[in-house]
Every structure is written in C-alpha cells, then in structure tokens.
Amino acid sequence: MPRLALSLNNSSNAAGPATLRLGRVVGAHGLLGALRVRPDNPDSDTLGHVQRVFVQAPDDGAPRASREYQVTAAQRLNRTTIRLVLEGLDDPDAADAMRGSTIAVALEDLPAKAPGEFYYYEAIGCAVTTTDGRRLGLIEEVFATGANDVWVVRDGAAEVLVPVIDNVVKSIDLATRQMVIEAVPGLLD
C-alpha cells in the first residue's frame, strides 16, 4: 500500500493558492544564495519535482506574506537537508536572512498520485475503525519508520500506533474520511 511522503502541515495562503508546508529554511548554502532546507518529512522528494515554491517569513507577530519563487535546482545534501536554488536569490546574505522561513508548495503543483497512494496530509483527521466496528479515534500524525508508515491514532488520552501495511489497513476512503483496520494480535494491547 504505497504512499507519497509529504509534510503533515496543511496551510492556506489567502492571497494565493492553497499550499502545503514542506519544510523550513535552516540557512544559506554556499556563496551563490542557495538555501539549506530541512524537510518536515525527510523521505519526501517533492522539492525535486516542483517548479515553484512559496517562502513565508518566520512568525514574528506581523502579518505573514509569502513570496513565490521558481525552483532552479533541488539537491539532497544528506538525509535531513536539501540544497534549494531559487531564481532571483543569488546573495548568500539574503539567503541567510531567510533562516526560519517555511517552504510550501501549491497543492495544485503536487506530483500526481498513483492508484493506492495518498499524501500524508490527506490522512490527518480521518476516523479509524476496526473491521468489527470499534472506533479507535482520529489520525493525528503520520510518520515513516523506514519499513512502513505509521498512523498515530488518538481518542482523548488513548493512542494507538497503526502500521500502514496490507495485513492491517483494510480500506482507505479519503472521500468519506474513513479508514478501516484489522486489529491484529498485539496492536491494541
């Protein structure tokens, strides 16, 4: 059951398209104004597949406007950092001044999903029930473990970690916001 990895933080820009946060700027990279970006989901390769991003300054109490940039290049430096080159940003001081800013992409620009795939943000808020009808709660987080994704399902103080694998997840209906799982032995203990 494949998924596409992306940030869980869904945001919207009132002056532009609905956007999805992908990460944040952690500093400048090199002398030509490239940015070092730490993606919210280290497994996401979305920045390598989009042509534009929106950069929003850190929250300092003032209204937060975002600026659109064309992506010139995106290169993974290591598991947690991506080098992002933006058109018109060619000064290392200007790039370093963006430290703490968020990087987002328009929802309409996300790469197409194959059948059976979904973006993490689409699962957030979906209700999870067992095949016998027991309600477990809502998906509040999704994270990757390397072997598989895990849904963090909460209902008040109760929390269940659901591995997103074929023998556990029986149906995903994003239209109705319903997920059905098989409570395999040990899952709900």
Protein backbone atom coordinates (compact mmCIF):
# COMPACT_ATOMS: atom_id res chain seq x y z
CA MET A 1 0.00 0.00 0.00
CA PRO A 2 2.28 2.83 -1.20
CA ARG A 3 2.04 6.42 -0.03
CA LEU A 4 3.69 9.64 -1.05
CA ALA A 5 5.61 11.29 1.74
CA LEU A 6 4.95 14.94 2.49
CA SER A 7 4.60 17.25 5.37
CA LEU A 8 1.60 16.98 7.60
CA ASN A 9 1.20 20.73 7.95
CA ASN A 10 -1.52 21.88 5.60
CA SER A 11 -1.78 25.63 5.30
CA SER A 12 -3.53 28.12 3.10
CA ASN A 13 -2.41 31.47 1.75
CA ALA A 14 -5.37 33.87 1.49
CA ALA A 15 -3.65 35.86 -1.29
CA GLY A 16 -2.76 32.84 -3.39
CA PRO A 17 -3.28 29.14 -3.89
CA ALA A 18 -3.79 26.65 -1.06
CA THR A 19 -0.36 25.43 -0.02
CA LEU A 20 1.23 22.57 1.83
CA ARG A 21 4.23 23.21 4.05
CA LEU A 22 7.21 21.06 3.09
CA GLY A 23 9.88 22.29 5.47
CA ARG A 24 11.86 25.23 6.72
CA VAL A 25 14.98 27.13 5.78
CA VAL A 26 17.87 26.40 8.14
CA GLY A 27 20.41 28.71 6.48
CA ALA A 28 22.33 29.60 3.36
CA HIS A 29 24.38 27.10 1.37
CA GLY A 30 27.44 28.30 -0.48
CA LEU A 31 28.27 31.70 -1.95
CA LEU A 32 25.58 31.87 -4.64
CA GLY A 33 22.47 32.27 -2.46
CA ALA A 34 21.27 28.68 -2.28
CA LEU A 35 19.17 27.67 0.72
CA ARG A 36 19.60 24.76 3.10
CA VAL A 37 16.12 23.37 3.69
CA ARG A 38 15.13 20.82 6.33
CA PRO A 39 12.04 18.99 5.02
CA ASP A 40 9.30 18.19 7.52
CA ASN A 41 9.36 14.66 6.14
CA PRO A 42 12.95 13.60 5.41
CA ASP A 43 11.73 10.93 2.97
CA SER A 44 9.90 13.44 0.78
CA ASP A 45 11.36 14.15 -2.65
CA THR A 46 8.66 16.68 -3.60
CA LEU A 47 11.05 19.64 -3.87
CA GLY A 48 12.78 17.83 -6.72
CA HIS A 49 9.50 17.60 -8.64
CA VAL A 50 8.00 21.09 -8.40
CA GLN A 51 8.76 24.22 -10.41
CA ARG A 52 7.73 26.80 -7.82
CA VAL A 53 7.65 27.20 -4.06
CA PHE A 54 6.29 29.76 -1.62
CA VAL A 55 8.59 31.13 1.07
CA GLN A 56 6.94 32.56 4.17
CA ALA A 57 8.91 34.55 6.75
CA PRO A 58 9.02 33.30 10.34
CA ASP A 59 6.11 34.28 12.56
CA ASP A 60 7.17 37.47 14.35
CA GLY A 61 3.68 38.66 15.21
CA ALA A 62 3.30 40.66 11.99
CA PRO A 63 1.07 39.56 9.09
CA ARG A 64 2.86 36.79 7.23
CA ALA A 65 3.00 37.18 3.47
CA SER A 66 4.55 34.53 1.28
CA ARG A 67 6.63 35.11 -1.81
CA GLU A 68 6.61 32.84 -4.84
CA TYR A 69 9.92 31.66 -6.31
CA GLN A 70 10.76 29.48 -9.30
CA VAL A 71 12.87 26.47 -8.37
CA THR A 72 16.13 26.29 -10.32
CA ALA A 73 17.54 23.21 -8.58
CA ALA A 74 16.91 20.95 -5.60
CA GLN A 75 19.64 18.57 -4.46
CA ARG A 76 19.67 16.32 -1.42
CA LEU A 77 22.75 17.04 0.71
CA ASN A 78 22.02 14.33 3.27
CA ARG A 79 19.01 12.57 4.76
CA THR A 80 17.78 15.69 6.55
CA THR A 81 18.87 18.57 4.32
CA ILE A 82 18.15 19.72 0.76
CA ARG A 83 20.03 22.41 -1.17
CA LEU A 84 17.40 24.58 -2.86
CA VAL A 85 18.29 27.12 -5.55
CA LEU A 86 15.63 29.74 -6.27
CA GLU A 87 15.51 32.07 -9.26
CA GLY A 88 16.35 35.64 -8.25
CA LEU A 89 18.00 34.65 -4.99
CA ASP A 90 21.74 34.88 -5.60
CA ASP A 91 23.12 36.56 -2.49
CA PRO A 92 24.26 34.44 0.47
CA ASP A 93 23.30 37.19 2.94
CA ALA A 94 19.76 37.36 1.52
CA ALA A 95 19.57 33.55 1.66
CA ASP A 96 20.76 33.52 5.28
CA ALA A 97 18.17 36.19 6.14
CA MET A 98 15.50 33.61 5.16
CA ARG A 99 16.56 31.33 8.04
CA GLY A 100 13.45 30.14 9.87
CA SER A 101 11.15 30.75 6.89
CA THR A 102 8.84 27.98 5.77
CA ILE A 103 8.86 26.43 2.31
CA ALA A 104 5.49 25.45 0.88
CA VAL A 105 4.15 24.20 -2.42
CA ALA A 106 0.76 24.83 -4.03
CA LEU A 107 -1.50 21.80 -3.67
CA GLU A 108 -2.20 22.02 -7.40
CA ASP A 109 1.55 21.60 -8.10
CA LEU A 110 1.98 18.36 -6.16
CA PRO A 111 3.10 15.40 -8.25
CA ALA A 112 0.27 13.16 -9.40
CA LYS A 113 -0.54 10.20 -7.17
CA ALA A 114 -0.63 6.66 -8.48
CA PRO A 115 -3.59 4.43 -7.55
CA GLY A 116 -3.35 3.43 -3.90
CA GLU A 117 -1.16 6.40 -2.97
CA PHE A 118 -2.06 9.35 -0.80
CA TYR A 119 -0.33 12.32 0.72
CA TYR A 120 0.19 12.28 4.48
CA TYR A 121 -1.81 15.46 4.99
CA GLU A 122 -4.85 13.76 3.41
CA ALA A 123 -4.91 11.13 6.17
CA ILE A 124 -4.82 13.62 9.04
CA GLY A 125 -8.24 13.84 10.67
CA CYS A 126 -9.59 10.60 9.17
CA ALA A 127 -11.55 8.34 11.53
CA VAL A 128 -10.15 4.87 12.16
CA THR A 129 -12.34 1.89 13.00
CA THR A 130 -11.66 -1.80 13.24
CA THR A 131 -13.25 -4.37 10.93
CA ASP A 132 -15.64 -5.25 13.77
CA GLY A 133 -16.82 -1.61 14.03
CA ARG A 134 -14.84 -0.41 17.06
CA ARG A 135 -13.92 3.30 16.77
CA LEU A 136 -10.26 3.93 17.64
CA GLY A 137 -10.09 7.68 17.06
CA LEU A 138 -8.68 10.11 14.50
CA ILE A 139 -5.34 10.07 12.69
CA GLU A 140 -3.36 12.97 14.17
CA GLU A 141 0.09 12.21 12.78
CA VAL A 142 1.78 10.09 10.15
CA PHE A 143 5.44 9.18 10.23
CA ALA A 144 7.77 6.89 8.34
CA THR A 145 9.81 4.24 10.14
CA GLY A 146 11.86 3.09 7.20
CA ALA A 147 9.99 -0.20 6.92
CA ASN A 148 6.50 1.32 6.71
CA ASP A 149 4.44 4.36 7.60
CA VAL A 150 2.67 4.60 10.96
CA TRP A 151 -0.59 6.39 11.76
CA VAL A 152 -0.82 7.93 15.22
CA VAL A 153 -4.49 7.46 16.11
CA ARG A 154 -5.80 9.28 19.17
CA ASP A 155 -9.10 9.36 21.01
CA GLY A 156 -8.68 11.58 24.03
CA ALA A 157 -5.81 10.18 26.07
CA ALA A 158 -5.87 6.84 24.25
CA GLU A 159 -3.28 6.42 21.50
CA VAL A 160 -2.76 3.59 19.01
CA LEU A 161 0.16 3.33 16.58
CA VAL A 162 -1.15 1.68 13.43
CA PRO A 163 1.38 0.29 10.95
CA VAL A 164 0.26 1.13 7.42
CA ILE A 165 0.74 -2.33 5.93
CA ASP A 166 -1.56 -4.52 3.87
CA ASN A 167 -2.42 -7.05 6.59
CA VAL A 168 -3.51 -4.23 8.98
CA VAL A 169 -5.06 -1.50 6.79
CA LYS A 170 -8.10 -2.95 5.06
CA SER A 171 -9.63 0.14 3.45
CA ILE A 172 -8.82 3.79 2.91
CA ASP A 173 -11.65 6.09 1.88
CA LEU A 174 -10.38 9.66 1.74
CA ALA A 175 -13.70 10.91 0.32
CA THR A 176 -15.58 9.87 3.48
CA ARG A 177 -12.51 10.33 5.75
CA GLN A 178 -12.80 6.72 6.97
CA MET A 179 -10.05 4.13 7.46
CA VAL A 180 -10.71 0.53 8.45
CA ILE A 181 -8.04 -1.65 10.05
CA GLU A 182 -7.75 -5.26 11.17
CA ALA A 183 -6.86 -5.36 14.86
CA VAL A 184 -4.08 -7.93 14.56
CA PRO A 185 -2.91 -9.53 17.83
CA GLY A 186 -0.94 -7.08 19.98
CA LEU A 187 -1.98 -3.95 18.10
CA LEU A 188 -4.49 -2.67 20.64
CA ASP A 189 -2.78 -4.01 23.78
